[in-house]
PDB file of N, CA and C in Angstrom:
ATOM      1  N   MET A   1       0.822  -1.195   0.000  1.00  0.00           N
ATOM      2  CA  MET A   1       0.000   0.000   0.000  1.00  0.00           C
ATOM      3  C   MET A   1       0.866   1.259   0.000  1.00  0.00           C
ATOM      4  N   TRP A   2       1.908   1.278   0.848  1.00  0.00           N
ATOM      5  CA  TRP A   2       2.769   2.459   0.905  1.00  0.00           C
ATOM      6  C   TRP A   2       3.502   2.657  -0.411  1.00  0.00           C
ATOM      7  N   GLU A   3       3.841   1.557  -1.074  1.00  0.00           N
ATOM      8  CA  GLU A   3       4.527   1.666  -2.354  1.00  0.00           C
ATOM      9  C   GLU A   3       3.649   2.372  -3.379  1.00  0.00           C
ATOM     10  N   ALA A   4       2.371   2.038  -3.387  1.00  0.00           N
ATOM     11  CA  ALA A   4       1.447   2.675  -4.326  1.00  0.00           C
ATOM     12  C   ALA A   4       1.294   4.155  -4.018  1.00  0.00           C
ATOM     13  N   ILE A   5       1.249   4.478  -2.740  1.00  0.00           N
ATOM     14  CA  ILE A   5       1.109   5.887  -2.342  1.00  0.00           C
ATOM     15  C   ILE A   5       2.351   6.673  -2.737  1.00  0.00           C
ATOM     16  N   THR A   6       3.529   6.145  -2.441  1.00  0.00           N
ATOM     17  CA  THR A   6       4.753   6.868  -2.792  1.00  0.00           C
ATOM     18  C   THR A   6       4.946   6.948  -4.298  1.00  0.00           C
ATOM     19  N   GLU A   7       4.563   5.907  -5.005  1.00  0.00           N
ATOM     20  CA  GLU A   7       4.669   5.961  -6.465  1.00  0.00           C
ATOM     21  C   GLU A   7       3.738   7.020  -7.034  1.00  0.00           C
ATOM     22  N   PHE A   8       2.515   7.089  -6.534  1.00  0.00           N
ATOM     23  CA  PHE A   8       1.576   8.117  -6.994  1.00  0.00           C
ATOM     24  C   PHE A   8       2.117   9.494  -6.681  1.00  0.00           C
ATOM     25  N   PHE A   9       2.635   9.678  -5.464  1.00  0.00           N
ATOM     26  CA  PHE A   9       3.113  10.994  -5.056  1.00  0.00           C
ATOM     27  C   PHE A   9       4.290  11.441  -5.904  1.00  0.00           C
ATOM     28  N   THR A  10       5.215  10.550  -6.158  1.00  0.00           N
ATOM     29  CA  THR A  10       6.395  10.950  -6.922  1.00  0.00           C
ATOM     30  C   THR A  10       6.091  11.151  -8.399  1.00  0.00           C
ATOM     31  N   THR A  11       5.112  10.445  -8.939  1.00  0.00           N
ATOM     32  CA  THR A  11       4.794  10.619 -10.356  1.00  0.00           C
ATOM     33  C   THR A  11       3.853  11.791 -10.600  1.00  0.00           C
ATOM     34  N   GLN A  12       3.035  12.124  -9.632  1.00  0.00           N
ATOM     35  CA  GLN A  12       2.053  13.184  -9.804  1.00  0.00           C
ATOM     36  C   GLN A  12       2.371  14.431  -8.982  1.00  0.00           C
ATOM     37  N   VAL A  13       3.594  14.560  -8.531  1.00  0.00           N
ATOM     38  CA  VAL A  13       3.930  15.618  -7.587  1.00  0.00           C
ATOM     39  C   VAL A  13       3.743  17.010  -8.176  1.00  0.00           C
ATOM     40  N   SER A  14       4.054  17.219  -9.427  1.00  0.00           N
ATOM     41  CA  SER A  14       3.898  18.557  -9.989  1.00  0.00           C
ATOM     42  C   SER A  14       2.427  18.940 -10.054  1.00  0.00           C
ATOM     43  N   SER A  15       1.567  17.992 -10.357  1.00  0.00           N
ATOM     44  CA  SER A  15       0.128  18.277 -10.379  1.00  0.00           C
ATOM     45  C   SER A  15      -0.403  18.568  -8.985  1.00  0.00           C
ATOM     46  N   VAL A  16       0.057  17.809  -8.018  1.00  0.00           N
ATOM     47  CA  VAL A  16      -0.387  18.012  -6.636  1.00  0.00           C
ATOM     48  C   VAL A  16       0.062  19.369  -6.131  1.00  0.00           C
ATOM     49  N   MET A  17       1.303  19.727  -6.401  1.00  0.00           N
ATOM     50  CA  MET A  17       1.803  21.029  -5.948  1.00  0.00           C
ATOM     51  C   MET A  17       1.085  22.176  -6.642  1.00  0.00           C
ATOM     52  N   ALA A  18       0.780  22.014  -7.904  1.00  0.00           N
ATOM     53  CA  ALA A  18       0.036  23.051  -8.618  1.00  0.00           C
ATOM     54  C   ALA A  18      -1.353  23.227  -8.015  1.00  0.00           C
ATOM     55  N   LEU A  19      -2.002  22.122  -7.682  1.00  0.00           N
ATOM     56  CA  LEU A  19      -3.323  22.212  -7.050  1.00  0.00           C
ATOM     57  C   LEU A  19      -3.251  22.863  -5.680  1.00  0.00           C
ATOM     58  N   VAL A  20      -2.213  22.572  -4.928  1.00  0.00           N
ATOM     59  CA  VAL A  20      -2.049  23.186  -3.607  1.00  0.00           C
ATOM     60  C   VAL A  20      -1.860  24.689  -3.748  1.00  0.00           C
ATOM     61  N   LEU A  21      -1.048  25.108  -4.719  1.00  0.00           N
ATOM     62  CA  LEU A  21      -0.841  26.539  -4.920  1.00  0.00           C
ATOM     63  C   LEU A  21      -2.108  27.224  -5.425  1.00  0.00           C
ATOM     64  N   LEU A  22      -2.864  26.556  -6.273  1.00  0.00           N
ATOM     65  CA  LEU A  22      -4.140  27.125  -6.717  1.00  0.00           C
ATOM     66  C   LEU A  22      -5.131  27.232  -5.559  1.00  0.00           C
ATOM     67  N   ALA A  23      -5.133  26.239  -4.687  1.00  0.00           N
ATOM     68  CA  ALA A  23      -6.002  26.297  -3.511  1.00  0.00           C
ATOM     69  C   ALA A  23      -5.590  27.438  -2.588  1.00  0.00           C
ATOM     70  N   ALA A  24      -4.289  27.661  -2.449  1.00  0.00           N
ATOM     71  CA  ALA A  24      -3.813  28.770  -1.625  1.00  0.00           C
ATOM     72  C   ALA A  24      -4.242  30.106  -2.221  1.00  0.00           C
ATOM     73  N   LEU A  25      -4.151  30.229  -3.531  1.00  0.00           N
ATOM     74  CA  LEU A  25      -4.601  31.451  -4.194  1.00  0.00           C
ATOM     75  C   LEU A  25      -6.104  31.651  -3.990  1.00  0.00           C
ATOM     76  N   ALA A  26      -6.868  30.579  -4.123  1.00  0.00           N
ATOM     77  CA  ALA A  26      -8.317  30.663  -3.914  1.00  0.00           C
ATOM     78  C   ALA A  26      -8.640  31.048  -2.466  1.00  0.00           C
ATOM     79  N   LEU A  27      -7.867  30.555  -1.521  1.00  0.00           N
ATOM     80  CA  LEU A  27      -8.081  30.920  -0.122  1.00  0.00           C
ATOM     81  C   LEU A  27      -7.841  32.408   0.112  1.00  0.00           C
ATOM     82  N   VAL A  28      -6.790  32.941  -0.478  1.00  0.00           N
ATOM     83  CA  VAL A  28      -6.501  34.366  -0.302  1.00  0.00           C
ATOM     84  C   VAL A  28      -7.589  35.219  -0.952  1.00  0.00           C
ATOM     85  N   ILE A  29      -7.993  34.850  -2.151  1.00  0.00           N
ATOM     86  CA  ILE A  29      -9.070  35.596  -2.826  1.00  0.00           C
ATOM     87  C   ILE A  29     -10.365  35.491  -2.030  1.00  0.00           C
ATOM     88  N   GLY A  30     -10.668  34.296  -1.550  1.00  0.00           N
ATOM     89  CA  GLY A  30     -11.865  34.115  -0.732  1.00  0.00           C
ATOM     90  C   GLY A  30     -11.800  34.903   0.554  1.00  0.00           C
ATOM     91  N   ALA A  31     -10.634  35.012   1.141  1.00  0.00           N
ATOM     92  CA  ALA A  31     -10.486  35.788   2.380  1.00  0.00           C
ATOM     93  C   ALA A  31     -10.752  37.264   2.128  1.00  0.00           C
ATOM     94  N   VAL A  32     -10.249  37.775   1.019  1.00  0.00           N
ATOM     95  CA  VAL A  32     -10.486  39.184   0.687  1.00  0.00           C
ATOM     96  C   VAL A  32     -11.972  39.430   0.451  1.00  0.00           C
ATOM     97  N   VAL A  33     -12.607  38.550  -0.306  1.00  0.00           N
ATOM     98  CA  VAL A  33     -14.038  38.705  -0.583  1.00  0.00           C
ATOM     99  C   VAL A  33     -14.854  38.603   0.701  1.00  0.00           C
ATOM    100  N   LEU A  34     -14.542  37.651   1.544  1.00  0.00           N
ATOM    101  CA  LEU A  34     -15.262  37.484   2.805  1.00  0.00           C
ATOM    102  C   LEU A  34     -15.094  38.698   3.712  1.00  0.00           C
ATOM    103  N   TYR A  35     -13.882  39.224   3.771  1.00  0.00           N
ATOM    104  CA  TYR A  35     -13.642  40.398   4.611  1.00  0.00           C
ATOM    105  C   TYR A  35     -14.412  41.607   4.096  1.00  0.00           C
ATOM    106  N   ARG A  36     -14.450  41.778   2.782  1.00  0.00           N
ATOM    107  CA  ARG A  36     -15.183  42.931   2.217  1.00  0.00           C
ATOM    108  C   ARG A  36     -16.687  42.802   2.413  1.00  0.00           C
ATOM    109  N   ARG A  37     -17.201  41.584   2.335  1.00  0.00           N
ATOM    110  CA  ARG A  37     -18.648  41.403   2.486  1.00  0.00           C
ATOM    111  C   ARG A  37     -19.114  41.520   3.925  1.00  0.00           C
ATOM    112  N   THR A  38     -18.378  40.903   4.849  1.00  0.00           N
ATOM    113  CA  THR A  38     -18.858  40.841   6.231  1.00  0.00           C
ATOM    114  C   THR A  38     -18.143  41.800   7.169  1.00  0.00           C
ATOM    115  N   GLY A  39     -16.922  42.149   6.873  1.00  0.00           N
ATOM    116  CA  GLY A  39     -16.148  42.989   7.769  1.00  0.00           C
ATOM    117  C   GLY A  39     -15.562  42.213   8.937  1.00  0.00           C
ATOM    118  N   GLU A  40     -15.912  40.951   9.041  1.00  0.00           N
ATOM    119  CA  GLU A  40     -15.367  40.098  10.097  1.00  0.00           C
ATOM    120  C   GLU A  40     -13.924  39.745   9.741  1.00  0.00           C
ATOM    121  N   ALA A  41     -13.056  39.706  10.739  1.00  0.00           N
ATOM    122  CA  ALA A  41     -11.640  39.500  10.449  1.00  0.00           C
ATOM    123  C   ALA A  41     -11.137  38.101  10.806  1.00  0.00           C
ATOM    124  N   LYS A  42     -11.803  37.404  11.716  1.00  0.00           N
ATOM    125  CA  LYS A  42     -11.269  36.144  12.216  1.00  0.00           C
ATOM    126  C   LYS A  42     -11.141  35.089  11.119  1.00  0.00           C
ATOM    127  N   GLN A  43     -12.214  34.798  10.420  1.00  0.00           N
ATOM    128  CA  GLN A  43     -12.173  33.761   9.387  1.00  0.00           C
ATOM    129  C   GLN A  43     -11.260  34.123   8.216  1.00  0.00           C
ATOM    130  N   PRO A  44     -11.282  35.356   7.705  1.00  0.00           N
ATOM    131  CA  PRO A  44     -10.332  35.684   6.630  1.00  0.00           C
ATOM    132  C   PRO A  44      -8.869  35.563   7.052  1.00  0.00           C
ATOM    133  N   ILE A  45      -8.568  35.924   8.288  1.00  0.00           N
ATOM    134  CA  ILE A  45      -7.189  35.778   8.768  1.00  0.00           C
ATOM    135  C   ILE A  45      -6.806  34.304   8.812  1.00  0.00           C
ATOM    136  N   LEU A  46      -7.707  33.464   9.278  1.00  0.00           N
ATOM    137  CA  LEU A  46      -7.430  32.029   9.320  1.00  0.00           C
ATOM    138  C   LEU A  46      -7.251  31.453   7.914  1.00  0.00           C
ATOM    139  N   MET A  47      -8.003  31.962   6.967  1.00  0.00           N
ATOM    140  CA  MET A  47      -7.867  31.514   5.582  1.00  0.00           C
ATOM    141  C   MET A  47      -6.500  31.892   5.015  1.00  0.00           C
ATOM    142  N   VAL A  48      -6.044  33.093   5.318  1.00  0.00           N
ATOM    143  CA  VAL A  48      -4.732  33.534   4.851  1.00  0.00           C
ATOM    144  C   VAL A  48      -3.631  32.718   5.526  1.00  0.00           C
ATOM    145  N   VAL A  49      -3.785  32.430   6.814  1.00  0.00           N
ATOM    146  CA  VAL A  49      -2.804  31.598   7.520  1.00  0.00           C
ATOM    147  C   VAL A  49      -2.738  30.212   6.883  1.00  0.00           C
ATOM    148  N   LEU A  50      -3.876  29.628   6.563  1.00  0.00           N
ATOM    149  CA  LEU A  50      -3.893  28.323   5.910  1.00  0.00           C
ATOM    150  C   LEU A  50      -3.215  28.383   4.544  1.00  0.00           C
ATOM    151  N   ALA A  51      -3.442  29.455   3.800  1.00  0.00           N
ATOM    152  CA  ALA A  51      -2.784  29.607   2.500  1.00  0.00           C
ATOM    153  C   ALA A  51      -1.269  29.704   2.671  1.00  0.00           C
ATOM    154  N   LEU A  52      -0.810  30.429   3.676  1.00  0.00           N
ATOM    155  CA  LEU A  52       0.627  30.539   3.939  1.00  0.00           C
ATOM    156  C   LEU A  52       1.230  29.189   4.312  1.00  0.00           C
ATOM    157  N   ILE A  53       0.503  28.415   5.092  1.00  0.00           N
ATOM    158  CA  ILE A  53       0.986  27.080   5.470  1.00  0.00           C
ATOM    159  C   ILE A  53       1.086  26.177   4.242  1.00  0.00           C
ATOM    160  N   ALA A  54       0.105  26.254   3.359  1.00  0.00           N
ATOM    161  CA  ALA A  54       0.134  25.436   2.139  1.00  0.00           C
ATOM    162  C   ALA A  54       1.324  25.815   1.258  1.00  0.00           C
ATOM    163  N   VAL A  55       1.564  27.100   1.092  1.00  0.00           N
ATOM    164  CA  VAL A  55       2.699  27.552   0.286  1.00  0.00           C
ATOM    165  C   VAL A  55       4.013  27.141   0.947  1.00  0.00           C
ATOM    166  N   ALA A  56       4.089  27.239   2.264  1.00  0.00           N
ATOM    167  CA  ALA A  56       5.302  26.830   2.981  1.00  0.00           C
ATOM    168  C   ALA A  56       5.569  25.344   2.780  1.00  0.00           C
ATOM    169  N   ASN A  57       4.536  24.526   2.770  1.00  0.00           N
ATOM    170  CA  ASN A  57       4.715  23.086   2.545  1.00  0.00           C
ATOM    171  C   ASN A  57       5.264  22.806   1.148  1.00  0.00           C
ATOM    172  N   VAL A  58       4.779  23.528   0.159  1.00  0.00           N
ATOM    173  CA  VAL A  58       5.303  23.356  -1.198  1.00  0.00           C
ATOM    174  C   VAL A  58       6.764  23.797  -1.248  1.00  0.00           C
ATOM    175  N   LEU A  59       7.079  24.909  -0.591  1.00  0.00           N
ATOM    176  CA  LEU A  59       8.459  25.378  -0.579  1.00  0.00           C
ATOM    177  C   LEU A  59       9.388  24.401   0.121  1.00  0.00           C
ATOM    178  N   ILE A  60       8.921  23.788   1.194  1.00  0.00           N
ATOM    179  CA  ILE A  60       9.739  22.805   1.910  1.00  0.00           C
ATOM    180  C   ILE A  60      10.122  21.649   0.984  1.00  0.00           C
ATOM    181  N   LEU A  61       9.219  21.254   0.128  1.00  0.00           N
ATOM    182  CA  LEU A  61       9.498  20.139  -0.778  1.00  0.00           C
ATOM    183  C   LEU A  61      10.338  20.523  -1.981  1.00  0.00           C
ATOM    184  N   THR A  62      10.339  21.804  -2.357  1.00  0.00           N
ATOM    185  CA  THR A  62      10.998  22.181  -3.603  1.00  0.00           C
ATOM    186  C   THR A  62      12.309  22.926  -3.433  1.00  0.00           C
ATOM    187  N   ILE A  63      12.557  23.555  -2.294  1.00  0.00           N
ATOM    188  CA  ILE A  63      13.808  24.292  -2.108  1.00  0.00           C
ATOM    189  C   ILE A  63      14.938  23.294  -1.856  1.00  0.00           C
ATOM    190  N   PRO A  64      16.032  23.421  -2.603  1.00  0.00           N
ATOM    191  CA  PRO A  64      17.141  22.477  -2.433  1.00  0.00           C
ATOM    192  C   PRO A  64      17.808  22.605  -1.059  1.00  0.00           C
ATOM    193  N   THR A  65      18.327  21.499  -0.580  1.00  0.00           N
ATOM    194  CA  THR A  65      19.051  21.488   0.687  1.00  0.00           C
ATOM    195  C   THR A  65      20.510  21.851   0.428  1.00  0.00           C
ATOM    196  N   ALA A  66      21.347  21.709   1.444  1.00  0.00           N
ATOM    197  CA  ALA A  66      22.757  22.091   1.323  1.00  0.00           C
ATOM    198  C   ALA A  66      23.494  21.261   0.278  1.00  0.00           C
ATOM    199  N   ASP A  67      23.079  20.017   0.075  1.00  0.00           N
ATOM    200  CA  ASP A  67      23.767  19.190  -0.917  1.00  0.00           C
ATOM    201  C   ASP A  67      23.256  19.412  -2.338  1.00  0.00           C
ATOM    202  N   GLY A  68      22.276  20.277  -2.511  1.00  0.00           N
ATOM    203  CA  GLY A  68      21.818  20.652  -3.845  1.00  0.00           C
ATOM    204  C   GLY A  68      20.634  19.889  -4.385  1.00  0.00           C
ATOM    205  N   THR A  69      20.091  18.945  -3.619  1.00  0.00           N
ATOM    206  CA  THR A  69      18.919  18.211  -4.089  1.00  0.00           C
ATOM    207  C   THR A  69      17.702  18.623  -3.270  1.00  0.00           C
ATOM    208  N   ALA A  70      16.608  18.770  -3.946  1.00  0.00           N
ATOM    209  CA  ALA A  70      15.356  19.081  -3.264  1.00  0.00           C
ATOM    210  C   ALA A  70      14.795  17.799  -2.662  1.00  0.00           C
ATOM    211  N   PRO A  71      14.079  17.897  -1.554  1.00  0.00           N
ATOM    212  CA  PRO A  71      13.507  16.687  -0.948  1.00  0.00           C
ATOM    213  C   PRO A  71      12.620  15.885  -1.900  1.00  0.00           C
ATOM    214  N   ILE A  72      11.900  16.556  -2.757  1.00  0.00           N
ATOM    215  CA  ILE A  72      11.025  15.832  -3.675  1.00  0.00           C
ATOM    216  C   ILE A  72      11.849  15.086  -4.728  1.00  0.00           C
ATOM    217  N   ASP A  73      12.983  15.662  -5.135  1.00  0.00           N
ATOM    218  CA  ASP A  73      13.863  14.961  -6.064  1.00  0.00           C
ATOM    219  C   ASP A  73      14.478  13.735  -5.394  1.00  0.00           C
ATOM    220  N   GLN A  74      14.837  13.876  -4.132  1.00  0.00           N
ATOM    221  CA  GLN A  74      15.405  12.753  -3.391  1.00  0.00           C
ATOM    222  C   GLN A  74      14.371  11.634  -3.246  1.00  0.00           C
ATOM    223  N   ALA A  75      13.113  11.994  -3.056  1.00  0.00           N
ATOM    224  CA  ALA A  75      12.063  10.974  -2.955  1.00  0.00           C
ATOM    225  C   ALA A  75      11.920  10.222  -4.266  1.00  0.00           C
ATOM    226  N   ALA A  76      12.021  10.931  -5.380  1.00  0.00           N
ATOM    227  CA  ALA A  76      11.934  10.275  -6.686  1.00  0.00           C
ATOM    228  C   ALA A  76      13.117   9.343  -6.901  1.00  0.00           C
ATOM    229  N   ILE A  77      14.304   9.771  -6.471  1.00  0.00           N
ATOM    230  CA  ILE A  77      15.489   8.921  -6.605  1.00  0.00           C
ATOM    231  C   ILE A  77      15.338   7.667  -5.752  1.00  0.00           C
ATOM    232  N   ASP A  78      14.868   7.841  -4.517  1.00  0.00           N
ATOM    233  CA  ASP A  78      14.669   6.701  -3.628  1.00  0.00           C
ATOM    234  C   ASP A  78      13.642   5.726  -4.196  1.00  0.00           C
ATOM    235  N   GLN A  79      12.580   6.255  -4.789  1.00  0.00           N
ATOM    236  CA  GLN A  79      11.556   5.401  -5.385  1.00  0.00           C
ATOM    237  C   GLN A  79      12.123   4.617  -6.560  1.00  0.00           C
ATOM    238  N   THR A  80      12.949   5.264  -7.364  1.00  0.00           N
ATOM    239  CA  THR A  80      13.561   4.592  -8.511  1.00  0.00           C
ATOM    240  C   THR A  80      14.492   3.478  -8.040  1.00  0.00           C
ATOM    241  N   GLU A  81      15.276   3.769  -7.006  1.00  0.00           N
ATOM    242  CA  GLU A  81      16.182   2.756  -6.479  1.00  0.00           C
ATOM    243  C   GLU A  81      15.412   1.583  -5.863  1.00  0.00           C
ATOM    244  N   ALA A  82      14.295   1.874  -5.226  1.00  0.00           N
ATOM    245  CA  ALA A  82      13.499   0.812  -4.615  1.00  0.00           C
ATOM    246  C   ALA A  82      12.888  -0.110  -5.665  1.00  0.00           C
ATOM    247  N   THR A  83      12.458   0.452  -6.782  1.00  0.00           N
ATOM    248  CA  THR A  83      11.869  -0.387  -7.833  1.00  0.00           C
ATOM    249  C   THR A  83      12.935  -1.189  -8.575  1.00  0.00           C
ATOM    250  N   GLU A  84      14.167  -0.662  -8.641  1.00  0.00           N
ATOM    251  CA  GLU A  84      15.234  -1.388  -9.318  1.00  0.00           C
ATOM    252  C   GLU A  84      15.734  -2.576  -8.512  1.00  0.00           C
ATOM    253  N   THR A  85      15.632  -2.497  -7.186  1.00  0.00           N
ATOM    254  CA  THR A  85      16.126  -3.579  -6.339  1.00  0.00           C
ATOM    255  C   THR A  85      15.168  -4.753  -6.247  1.00  0.00           C
ATOM    256  N   ARG A  86      13.945  -4.591  -6.723  1.00  0.00           N
ATOM    257  CA  ARG A  86      12.973  -5.690  -6.682  1.00  0.00           C
ATOM    258  C   ARG A  86      13.244  -6.677  -7.720  1.00  0.00           C
TER     259      ARG A  86
END
């Protein structure tokens, strides 16, 4: 089961990250619209915080580490090595 999950994640990672970034953009736009309509600040602030967390998660996976490889690239390499050893 974990093999299928990791294989899906490594093969579809660009699509997943694009969807996460689009969701973050939608959250920010929704927060602005909600704030303008209601004037309430709590929910729009929480929406913006959630969008920031989503963007931070994408950045964590894509920014290279000190050795020059991004964590998502390392996951793809590990997956390739795991399938070759079978």
